[in-house]
């Protein structure tokens, strides 16, 4: 099961009361590939619990083009859920062989495209760490928001331009 912003707030409150260090990562995660997995593992290694928020299909089309996403948000969330270990909270999965870096998945709403929306996400989770990649946009406003709730933005992964969903599509390995 994946969460909404509202339902994850209760989960996060409980986890913080148990002194878990929460890490948030956001993205599209279209055609889950090795660079996504590397990013998620690095994000997980920044804390105890990794919460991954997945952008909507509408946002993917607006930002990546009319043929995107390749897979709908529900499928992308399910793929990320397959990287969880139900009922087990794993600690500091930094080892490259770790298979399950994701602890919780959030399906972001279609209107998640403005400052107030990001603020509601940060307020609900209050992550200690907001893990991003080197190519993340709006770093200044994202840093402001995570710091507003007592956290820190950390670039955990450098962009590898050789591997991306766009490159996979361009190479004809998969067409949208």
Protein backbone atom coordinates (compact mmCIF):
# COMPACT_ATOMS: atom_id res chain seq x y z
CA UNK A 1 0.00 0.00 0.00
CA UNK A 2 1.26 3.44 -0.79
CA UNK A 3 0.39 6.53 1.21
CA UNK A 4 -1.06 9.97 0.67
CA UNK A 5 0.53 13.03 2.26
CA UNK A 6 -2.15 12.92 4.94
CA UNK A 7 -1.72 9.24 5.82
CA UNK A 8 2.09 9.40 5.94
CA UNK A 9 1.92 12.21 8.52
CA UNK A 10 0.66 9.79 11.20
CA UNK A 11 3.26 7.19 10.28
CA UNK A 12 6.06 9.76 10.47
CA UNK A 13 4.86 11.06 13.83
CA UNK A 14 5.08 7.52 15.21
CA UNK A 15 8.52 6.90 13.66
CA UNK A 16 9.93 10.18 15.02
CA UNK A 17 8.64 9.26 18.50
CA UNK A 18 10.81 6.13 18.21
CA UNK A 19 13.84 8.28 17.25
CA UNK A 20 14.16 7.05 13.69
CA UNK A 21 16.01 9.40 11.35
CA UNK A 22 13.64 10.07 8.43
CA UNK A 23 14.89 10.60 4.88
CA UNK A 24 12.68 11.90 2.07
CA UNK A 25 13.34 11.45 -1.65
CA UNK A 26 11.05 12.64 -4.42
CA UNK A 27 10.89 11.98 -8.15
CA UNK A 28 9.15 10.39 -11.10
CA UNK A 29 10.90 6.99 -11.03
CA UNK A 30 9.60 6.20 -14.51
CA UNK A 31 10.95 2.87 -15.77
CA UNK A 32 12.80 2.06 -12.57
CA UNK A 33 16.44 1.53 -13.57
CA UNK A 34 19.88 1.11 -12.00
CA UNK A 35 20.49 4.83 -11.48
CA UNK A 36 17.23 5.06 -9.55
CA UNK A 37 18.32 2.13 -7.38
CA UNK A 38 21.74 3.71 -6.74
CA UNK A 39 20.09 6.98 -5.76
CA UNK A 40 17.64 5.22 -3.44
CA UNK A 41 20.40 3.23 -1.74
CA UNK A 42 22.44 6.38 -1.17
CA UNK A 43 19.37 8.19 0.13
CA UNK A 44 18.64 5.33 2.52
CA UNK A 45 22.20 5.40 3.83
CA UNK A 46 21.62 8.99 5.02
CA UNK A 47 19.20 7.84 7.73
CA UNK A 48 17.05 5.03 9.09
CA UNK A 49 13.75 5.29 7.18
CA UNK A 50 13.47 6.17 3.48
CA UNK A 51 10.18 7.68 2.35
CA UNK A 52 9.84 8.07 -1.41
CA UNK A 53 7.27 10.49 -2.89
CA UNK A 54 6.31 9.77 -6.50
CA UNK A 55 5.16 12.52 -8.86
CA UNK A 56 1.82 12.23 -10.67
CA UNK A 57 1.25 11.35 -14.32
CA UNK A 58 0.03 14.91 -14.95
CA UNK A 59 3.29 16.38 -13.61
CA UNK A 60 5.31 13.92 -15.70
CA UNK A 61 3.50 15.01 -18.87
CA UNK A 62 3.90 18.70 -17.98
CA UNK A 63 7.62 18.41 -17.27
CA UNK A 64 8.80 15.55 -19.49
CA UNK A 65 6.45 15.60 -22.48
CA UNK A 66 3.16 14.19 -23.73
CA UNK A 67 4.47 10.63 -24.04
CA UNK A 68 5.52 10.43 -20.42
CA UNK A 69 5.34 8.80 -18.04
CA UNK A 70 5.87 5.43 -19.67
CA UNK A 71 4.26 3.78 -16.66
CA UNK A 72 1.37 5.27 -14.66
CA UNK A 73 1.94 6.53 -11.13
CA UNK A 74 0.26 3.50 -9.56
CA UNK A 75 2.68 1.15 -11.36
CA UNK A 76 5.68 3.33 -10.49
CA UNK A 77 4.60 3.26 -6.83
CA UNK A 78 4.19 -0.53 -6.97
CA UNK A 79 7.70 -0.92 -8.37
CA UNK A 80 9.07 1.14 -5.48
CA UNK A 81 6.99 -0.85 -3.01
CA UNK A 82 8.73 -3.95 -4.34
CA UNK A 83 11.91 -2.43 -2.87
CA UNK A 84 10.48 -2.55 0.66
CA UNK A 85 10.67 -5.23 3.28
CA UNK A 86 7.18 -5.43 4.83
CA UNK A 87 7.21 -5.13 8.59
CA UNK A 88 10.97 -4.66 8.74
CA UNK A 89 12.64 -1.32 9.29
CA UNK A 90 16.20 -1.75 8.08
CA UNK A 91 18.99 0.43 9.41
CA UNK A 92 21.58 2.22 7.26
CA UNK A 93 21.39 0.12 4.10
CA UNK A 94 24.62 1.45 2.65
CA UNK A 95 25.89 -1.90 1.40
CA UNK A 96 25.61 -2.15 -2.40
CA UNK A 97 24.01 -5.58 -2.09
CA UNK A 98 21.07 -4.30 -0.06
CA UNK A 99 17.93 -5.07 -2.01
CA UNK A 100 15.30 -3.13 -0.10
CA UNK A 101 16.20 0.53 0.49
CA UNK A 102 12.61 1.89 0.45
CA UNK A 103 10.48 1.88 3.60
CA UNK A 104 7.38 3.92 2.54
CA UNK A 105 5.96 5.24 -0.74
CA UNK A 106 3.72 8.28 -1.22
CA UNK A 107 1.66 8.94 -4.35
CA UNK A 108 1.75 12.71 -4.83
CA UNK A 109 -1.43 14.44 -6.08
CA UNK A 110 -1.70 15.91 -9.60
CA UNK A 111 -1.68 19.48 -8.26
CA UNK A 112 1.67 18.99 -6.53
CA UNK A 113 3.27 21.83 -8.47
CA UNK A 114 3.55 24.82 -6.15
CA UNK A 115 5.31 25.96 -2.99
CA UNK A 116 2.35 25.25 -0.70
CA UNK A 117 2.16 21.66 -1.91
CA UNK A 118 5.85 21.06 -1.11
CA UNK A 119 5.30 22.78 2.23
CA UNK A 120 2.47 20.36 3.07
CA UNK A 121 4.74 17.40 2.26
CA UNK A 122 7.60 18.73 4.40
CA UNK A 123 5.20 19.52 7.22
CA UNK A 124 3.72 16.01 7.14
CA UNK A 125 7.09 14.24 7.13
CA UNK A 126 9.49 16.69 8.79
CA UNK A 127 12.43 14.70 7.44
CA UNK A 128 15.86 15.07 8.97
CA UNK A 129 17.25 14.63 5.46
CA UNK A 130 15.84 15.55 2.06
CA UNK A 131 17.96 13.43 -0.31
CA UNK A 132 18.33 14.73 -3.85
CA UNK A 133 20.42 14.14 -6.97
CA UNK A 134 22.86 16.64 -8.43
CA UNK A 135 20.41 17.55 -11.22
CA UNK A 136 17.54 18.44 -8.87
CA UNK A 137 15.83 21.72 -9.69
CA UNK A 138 14.68 24.44 -7.28
CA UNK A 139 17.38 23.62 -4.71
CA UNK A 140 17.07 26.97 -2.96
CA UNK A 141 13.33 26.67 -2.25
CA UNK A 142 13.63 22.96 -1.37
CA UNK A 143 16.47 23.74 1.04
CA UNK A 144 14.37 26.49 2.61
CA UNK A 145 11.41 24.15 3.11
CA UNK A 146 13.30 21.23 4.62
CA UNK A 147 15.19 23.60 6.95
CA UNK A 148 11.87 25.22 7.97
CA UNK A 149 10.95 21.85 9.49
CA UNK A 150 14.34 21.18 11.07
CA UNK A 151 15.90 19.10 8.32
CA UNK A 152 18.75 19.37 5.85
CA UNK A 153 18.95 18.95 2.07
CA UNK A 154 21.79 16.69 0.95
CA UNK A 155 22.89 15.86 -2.59
CA UNK A 156 23.47 12.12 -2.25
CA UNK A 157 23.92 11.17 -5.91
CA UNK A 158 25.72 12.63 -8.91
CA UNK A 159 23.84 12.48 -12.20
CA UNK A 160 25.05 9.79 -14.59
CA UNK A 161 24.07 11.14 -18.00
CA UNK A 162 24.53 7.72 -19.60
CA UNK A 163 21.57 6.16 -17.79
CA UNK A 164 18.08 7.67 -17.67
CA UNK A 165 14.54 6.82 -18.72
CA UNK A 166 14.88 9.32 -21.56
CA UNK A 167 18.07 7.61 -22.79
CA UNK A 168 16.41 4.20 -22.61
CA UNK A 169 13.55 5.50 -24.76
CA UNK A 170 15.91 7.29 -27.17
CA UNK A 171 17.97 4.12 -27.68
CA UNK A 172 14.81 2.34 -28.74
CA UNK A 173 15.07 -0.19 -25.95
CA UNK A 174 11.52 0.76 -25.07
CA UNK A 175 9.17 3.13 -26.82
CA UNK A 176 6.52 5.05 -24.90
